[in-house]
C-alpha cells in the first residue's frame, strides 16, 4: 500500500495561502498528486471553515485542540477533530447525535512532545473507552515527533517505540489494511525523510511541502514554491549619524577613512 500525504496547510499554508494551496494539491488535472493527498491538515475550526467556504470538500484534520463548545460547528462542517480527552469525545458524540450524523475524529497519543495528546501509557484505556460512543467514530490514530530535525535523533526512535507499543495495547496494527480503515500516522517533514519505518499509512509534510528541507537529505531536491518580489519605490541618502525607523532602530555610521599606504 502506498503511503498517503496528509498535507499540512495550517497558518494560511505557512503564509502561502491556504485556499490556493489546497486547490493546487487537489487539482484533478494533476492526478499523480491529487491521488496521494488523502487529507488536509489545519490548526483550528476557523481554518477548516475557511476551506469549506471556499468549496474545498476533501477531508480536513484539525491538528490543534478544540473546545467542547466548538464540537457542533466542527461536525456540521465535516471536519475531523483531534481527540485526546473523554470530555471532547462526549461533546463530539452529542453533536453527532444532534445533527443525525456520525462525528469522525483522530486519536492523538503523546509519546514525548509533551503538548497535545494522551500520554502513551494511558492511551489504551482511553482509546477503548471511546468505543462506547454511538455517534463518534475514530478514523485515525497518531503521534508527533519532537526532535526529528535534531542531529541526535535518538528521541525519535524512543517515541516510535512508545507509539508502536501503545498501538499494540490499543489492539491496532500499524496499517489501515488490517484496522478496518483506521489510519495510522506519525511523520512530520523531518521524520518522513529520516524514518521510512515510521511512514505507516500517511505522512504529514509541512515545511517540505513548500520546498524547505528541515534536515540534510542528499538524495532529495526540493524547490521553494513561492518567491517574493518587490519594486523599489524610493532610495534615500542620509547623513552620517542620521537615525532611521521607529525608535531610531538604525543609525548610519560615519564611513571609515581608507588606511594610508605604508
Protein backbone atom coordinates (compact mmCIF):
# COMPACT_ATOMS: atom_id res chain seq x y z
CA UNK A 1 0.00 0.00 0.00
CA UNK A 2 1.28 3.44 -0.89
CA UNK A 3 1.81 5.96 1.87
CA UNK A 4 -0.67 8.82 1.63
CA UNK A 5 0.02 12.52 2.11
CA UNK A 6 -1.79 14.41 4.86
CA UNK A 7 -0.82 17.89 3.69
CA UNK A 8 -0.28 20.45 6.46
CA UNK A 9 -1.68 23.82 5.38
CA UNK A 10 -2.18 25.39 8.81
CA UNK A 11 -1.37 29.07 9.46
CA UNK A 12 -2.59 30.04 5.99
CA UNK A 13 -0.36 27.34 4.48
CA UNK A 14 2.69 28.82 6.20
CA UNK A 15 1.91 32.15 4.57
CA UNK A 16 1.43 30.72 1.08
CA UNK A 17 -2.38 30.95 1.11
CA UNK A 18 -4.42 28.00 2.40
CA UNK A 19 -7.12 28.09 -0.27
CA UNK A 20 -4.87 28.28 -3.36
CA UNK A 21 -2.50 25.68 -1.89
CA UNK A 22 -5.41 23.33 -1.15
CA UNK A 23 -6.72 23.74 -4.69
CA UNK A 24 -3.28 23.06 -6.15
CA UNK A 25 -2.88 19.91 -4.05
CA UNK A 26 -6.31 18.61 -5.01
CA UNK A 27 -6.13 19.62 -8.68
CA UNK A 28 -7.80 16.87 -10.71
CA UNK A 29 -5.54 17.75 -13.63
CA UNK A 30 -2.57 16.58 -11.56
CA UNK A 31 -3.78 13.06 -10.89
CA UNK A 32 -0.40 11.85 -9.64
CA UNK A 33 -0.54 14.37 -6.79
CA UNK A 34 -4.25 14.51 -6.03
CA UNK A 35 -4.43 10.73 -5.64
CA UNK A 36 -1.73 10.85 -2.95
CA UNK A 37 -3.24 13.73 -0.94
CA UNK A 38 -5.79 11.96 1.24
CA UNK A 39 -6.33 14.72 3.77
CA UNK A 40 -5.59 18.37 4.52
CA UNK A 41 -4.39 19.36 7.99
CA UNK A 42 -5.10 22.71 9.63
CA UNK A 43 -4.90 24.01 13.18
CA UNK A 44 -8.36 25.25 14.11
CA UNK A 45 -12.05 25.11 13.35
CA UNK A 46 -11.83 28.59 11.81
CA UNK A 47 -9.12 27.45 9.41
CA UNK A 48 -11.20 24.43 8.44
CA UNK A 49 -14.31 26.54 7.86
CA UNK A 50 -12.33 28.87 5.60
CA UNK A 51 -11.58 25.93 3.32
CA UNK A 52 -15.17 24.70 3.38
CA UNK A 53 -16.50 28.17 2.45
CA UNK A 54 -14.07 28.15 -0.48
CA UNK A 55 -15.58 24.89 -1.71
CA UNK A 56 -12.86 22.50 -0.54
CA UNK A 57 -14.61 19.18 0.08
CA UNK A 58 -11.61 17.00 0.98
CA UNK A 59 -11.23 15.53 4.48
CA UNK A 60 -9.74 18.09 6.89
CA UNK A 61 -7.94 17.12 10.10
CA UNK A 62 -7.73 19.65 12.94
CA UNK A 63 -4.27 19.28 14.46
CA UNK A 64 -4.79 21.57 17.44
CA UNK A 65 -7.17 21.29 20.37
CA UNK A 66 -10.73 22.48 20.05
CA UNK A 67 -13.11 23.44 22.82
CA UNK A 68 -16.16 21.27 23.53
CA UNK A 69 -18.43 24.16 22.51
CA UNK A 70 -16.80 24.12 19.05
CA UNK A 71 -17.76 20.48 18.52
CA UNK A 72 -21.07 21.15 16.77
CA UNK A 73 -19.53 23.58 14.26
CA UNK A 74 -16.74 21.10 13.53
CA UNK A 75 -19.12 18.19 12.99
CA UNK A 76 -21.53 20.26 10.90
CA UNK A 77 -18.68 21.24 8.58
CA UNK A 78 -17.46 17.64 8.32
CA UNK A 79 -14.14 18.49 9.95
CA UNK A 80 -12.11 15.83 11.74
CA UNK A 81 -11.02 17.00 15.20
CA UNK A 82 -8.16 15.52 17.21
CA UNK A 83 -9.45 13.74 20.32
CA UNK A 84 -7.40 13.11 23.45
CA UNK A 85 -9.91 13.56 26.30
CA UNK A 86 -13.20 11.92 27.11
CA UNK A 87 -14.80 15.36 27.57
CA UNK A 88 -14.15 16.35 23.97
CA UNK A 89 -15.20 12.92 22.72
CA UNK A 90 -18.52 13.28 24.57
CA UNK A 91 -19.08 16.72 23.03
CA UNK A 92 -18.45 15.36 19.53
CA UNK A 93 -20.74 12.41 20.19
CA UNK A 94 -23.51 14.76 21.36
CA UNK A 95 -23.01 16.97 18.30
CA UNK A 96 -23.24 13.95 16.03
CA UNK A 97 -26.45 12.80 17.73
CA UNK A 98 -27.99 16.27 17.45
CA UNK A 99 -27.12 16.55 13.75
CA UNK A 100 -28.06 12.98 12.91
CA UNK A 101 -24.56 12.06 11.71
CA UNK A 102 -21.53 10.18 12.94
CA UNK A 103 -18.76 12.52 14.01
CA UNK A 104 -15.28 11.49 12.90
CA UNK A 105 -12.05 12.14 14.78
CA UNK A 106 -8.42 11.09 15.07
CA UNK A 107 -6.97 9.96 18.39
CA UNK A 108 -3.64 11.51 19.41
CA UNK A 109 -1.04 9.85 21.59
CA UNK A 110 1.68 11.88 23.30
CA UNK A 111 4.96 9.97 23.10
CA UNK A 112 7.26 12.76 24.25
CA UNK A 113 6.30 16.03 22.60
CA UNK A 114 4.53 16.99 25.81
CA UNK A 115 1.95 19.08 24.04
CA UNK A 116 -1.31 17.68 22.65
CA UNK A 117 -2.40 14.10 23.21
CA UNK A 118 -2.96 11.50 25.91
CA UNK A 119 0.23 10.08 27.43
CA UNK A 120 1.11 6.81 25.72
CA UNK A 121 0.88 4.76 28.91
CA UNK A 122 -2.70 5.98 29.44
CA UNK A 123 -3.75 5.85 25.80
CA UNK A 124 -5.03 2.24 25.59
CA UNK A 125 -7.57 2.67 28.40
CA UNK A 126 -8.92 5.93 26.99
CA UNK A 127 -8.97 4.62 23.43
CA UNK A 128 -11.00 1.58 24.42
CA UNK A 129 -13.42 3.66 26.48
CA UNK A 130 -14.16 5.90 23.50
CA UNK A 131 -15.56 2.94 21.59
CA UNK A 132 -18.70 3.29 23.75
CA UNK A 133 -19.86 6.43 21.95
CA UNK A 134 -22.50 5.69 19.33
CA UNK A 135 -22.17 8.89 17.28
CA UNK A 136 -18.38 9.18 17.25
CA UNK A 137 -16.03 7.11 15.14
CA UNK A 138 -12.26 7.26 15.44
CA UNK A 139 -10.82 7.08 11.93
CA UNK A 140 -7.16 7.65 12.71
CA UNK A 141 -4.54 7.46 15.42
CA UNK A 142 -1.29 9.41 15.50
CA UNK A 143 1.60 10.97 17.36
CA UNK A 144 4.06 13.82 16.74
CA UNK A 145 7.86 13.67 16.89
CA UNK A 146 9.61 16.33 18.91
CA UNK A 147 13.19 16.09 17.69
CA UNK A 148 13.28 14.52 14.25
CA UNK A 149 15.20 17.52 12.92
CA UNK A 150 17.90 17.32 15.62
CA UNK A 151 21.39 15.98 14.81
CA UNK A 152 20.96 13.39 17.58
CA UNK A 153 17.72 11.67 16.58
CA UNK A 154 17.56 9.05 19.33
CA UNK A 155 14.47 10.68 20.82
CA UNK A 156 12.50 9.88 17.67
CA UNK A 157 13.42 6.21 17.96
CA UNK A 158 12.20 6.22 21.55
CA UNK A 159 8.97 7.93 20.60
CA UNK A 160 8.39 5.48 17.77
CA UNK A 161 8.89 2.54 20.13
CA UNK A 162 6.40 4.05 22.59
CA UNK A 163 3.90 4.67 19.79
CA UNK A 164 4.16 1.12 18.46
CA UNK A 165 3.71 -0.23 21.98
CA UNK A 166 0.61 1.91 22.50
CA UNK A 167 -0.81 0.75 19.18
CA UNK A 168 -0.42 -2.86 20.21
CA UNK A 169 -2.07 -2.16 23.58
CA UNK A 170 -4.97 -0.48 21.74
CA UNK A 171 -5.30 -3.56 19.56
CA UNK A 172 -4.30 -1.70 16.41
CA UNK A 173 -1.90 -2.92 13.75
CA UNK A 174 0.34 -0.38 12.06
CA UNK A 175 -1.58 -0.42 8.78
CA UNK A 176 -5.14 0.56 7.88
CA UNK A 177 -5.39 -2.58 5.78
CA UNK A 178 -5.94 -4.57 8.97
CA UNK A 179 -7.62 -1.88 11.04
CA UNK A 180 -10.91 -1.50 9.26
CA UNK A 181 -9.76 1.75 7.69
CA UNK A 182 -8.13 3.19 10.82
CA UNK A 183 -5.30 5.43 9.57
CA UNK A 184 -2.00 5.43 11.48
CA UNK A 185 0.37 8.39 11.01
CA UNK A 186 3.33 9.98 12.77
CA UNK A 187 5.88 11.65 10.48
CA UNK A 188 6.40 15.37 10.08
CA UNK A 189 8.72 16.61 7.30
CA UNK A 190 11.96 15.72 9.07
CA UNK A 191 10.80 12.28 10.15
CA UNK A 192 9.45 11.33 6.73
CA UNK A 193 12.92 12.00 5.28
CA UNK A 194 14.83 10.16 8.02
CA UNK A 195 12.50 7.40 9.20
CA UNK A 196 10.79 5.40 6.45
CA UNK A 197 9.92 2.78 9.06
CA UNK A 198 7.52 5.34 10.58
CA UNK A 199 5.62 6.23 7.41
CA UNK A 200 2.67 3.98 8.32
CA UNK A 201 -0.46 4.89 6.33
CA UNK A 202 0.33 8.57 5.86
CA UNK A 203 2.88 11.31 6.45
CA UNK A 204 2.24 14.94 7.42
CA UNK A 205 4.66 17.18 5.47
CA UNK A 206 4.67 20.82 6.47
CA UNK A 207 7.88 22.67 5.59
CA UNK A 208 8.87 20.12 2.95
CA UNK A 209 5.57 20.69 1.18
CA UNK A 210 6.69 24.23 0.41
CA UNK A 211 10.22 23.39 -0.68
CA UNK A 212 12.11 23.68 2.62
CA UNK A 213 14.38 20.85 3.75
CA UNK A 214 14.27 20.60 7.57
CA UNK A 215 17.21 18.18 7.62
CA UNK A 216 20.09 17.36 5.31
CA UNK A 217 18.92 14.92 2.66
CA UNK A 218 21.50 14.50 -0.13
CA UNK A 219 19.18 12.44 -2.31
CA UNK A 220 16.26 14.87 -2.03
CA UNK A 221 15.94 18.02 -4.12
CA UNK A 222 13.17 20.48 -3.29
CA UNK A 223 12.28 23.79 -4.86
CA UNK A 224 10.58 26.64 -2.98
CA UNK A 225 7.01 27.01 -4.18
CA UNK A 226 6.94 30.79 -3.66
CA UNK A 227 9.22 33.69 -4.44
CA UNK A 228 8.91 37.20 -3.07
CA UNK A 229 9.44 40.10 -5.42
CA UNK A 230 9.06 43.84 -4.89
CA UNK A 231 9.69 47.09 -6.75
CA UNK A 232 11.83 49.78 -5.15
CA UNK A 233 9.74 52.90 -4.68
CA UNK A 234 12.28 55.21 -3.09
CA UNK A 235 16.00 55.45 -2.36
CA UNK A 236 17.37 57.99 0.10
CA UNK A 237 20.90 59.00 1.05
CA UNK A 238 21.20 60.04 4.68
CA UNK A 239 23.96 61.82 6.56
CA UNK A 240 26.33 60.04 8.91
CA UNK A 241 24.72 59.79 12.36
CA UNK A 242 21.15 60.00 10.98
CA UNK A 243 18.61 57.62 12.50
CA UNK A 244 16.08 55.50 10.65
CA UNK A 245 12.71 53.99 11.63
CA UNK A 246 10.66 53.96 14.84
CA UNK A 247 12.71 54.16 17.99
CA UNK A 248 15.78 55.06 15.92
CA UNK A 249 16.25 51.36 15.21
CA UNK A 250 19.06 52.02 12.75
CA UNK A 251 21.78 54.65 12.67
CA UNK A 252 24.12 55.36 9.80
CA UNK A 253 27.70 55.26 10.93
CA UNK A 254 30.39 57.55 9.60
CA UNK A 255 32.31 55.99 6.77
CA UNK A 256 35.71 54.85 7.86
CA UNK A 257 38.65 56.50 6.12
CA UNK A 258 40.79 54.29 3.94
CA UNK A 259 44.02 53.28 5.70
CA UNK A 260 47.09 55.11 4.36
CA UNK A 261 49.63 53.25 2.31
CA UNK A 262 52.62 52.08 4.37
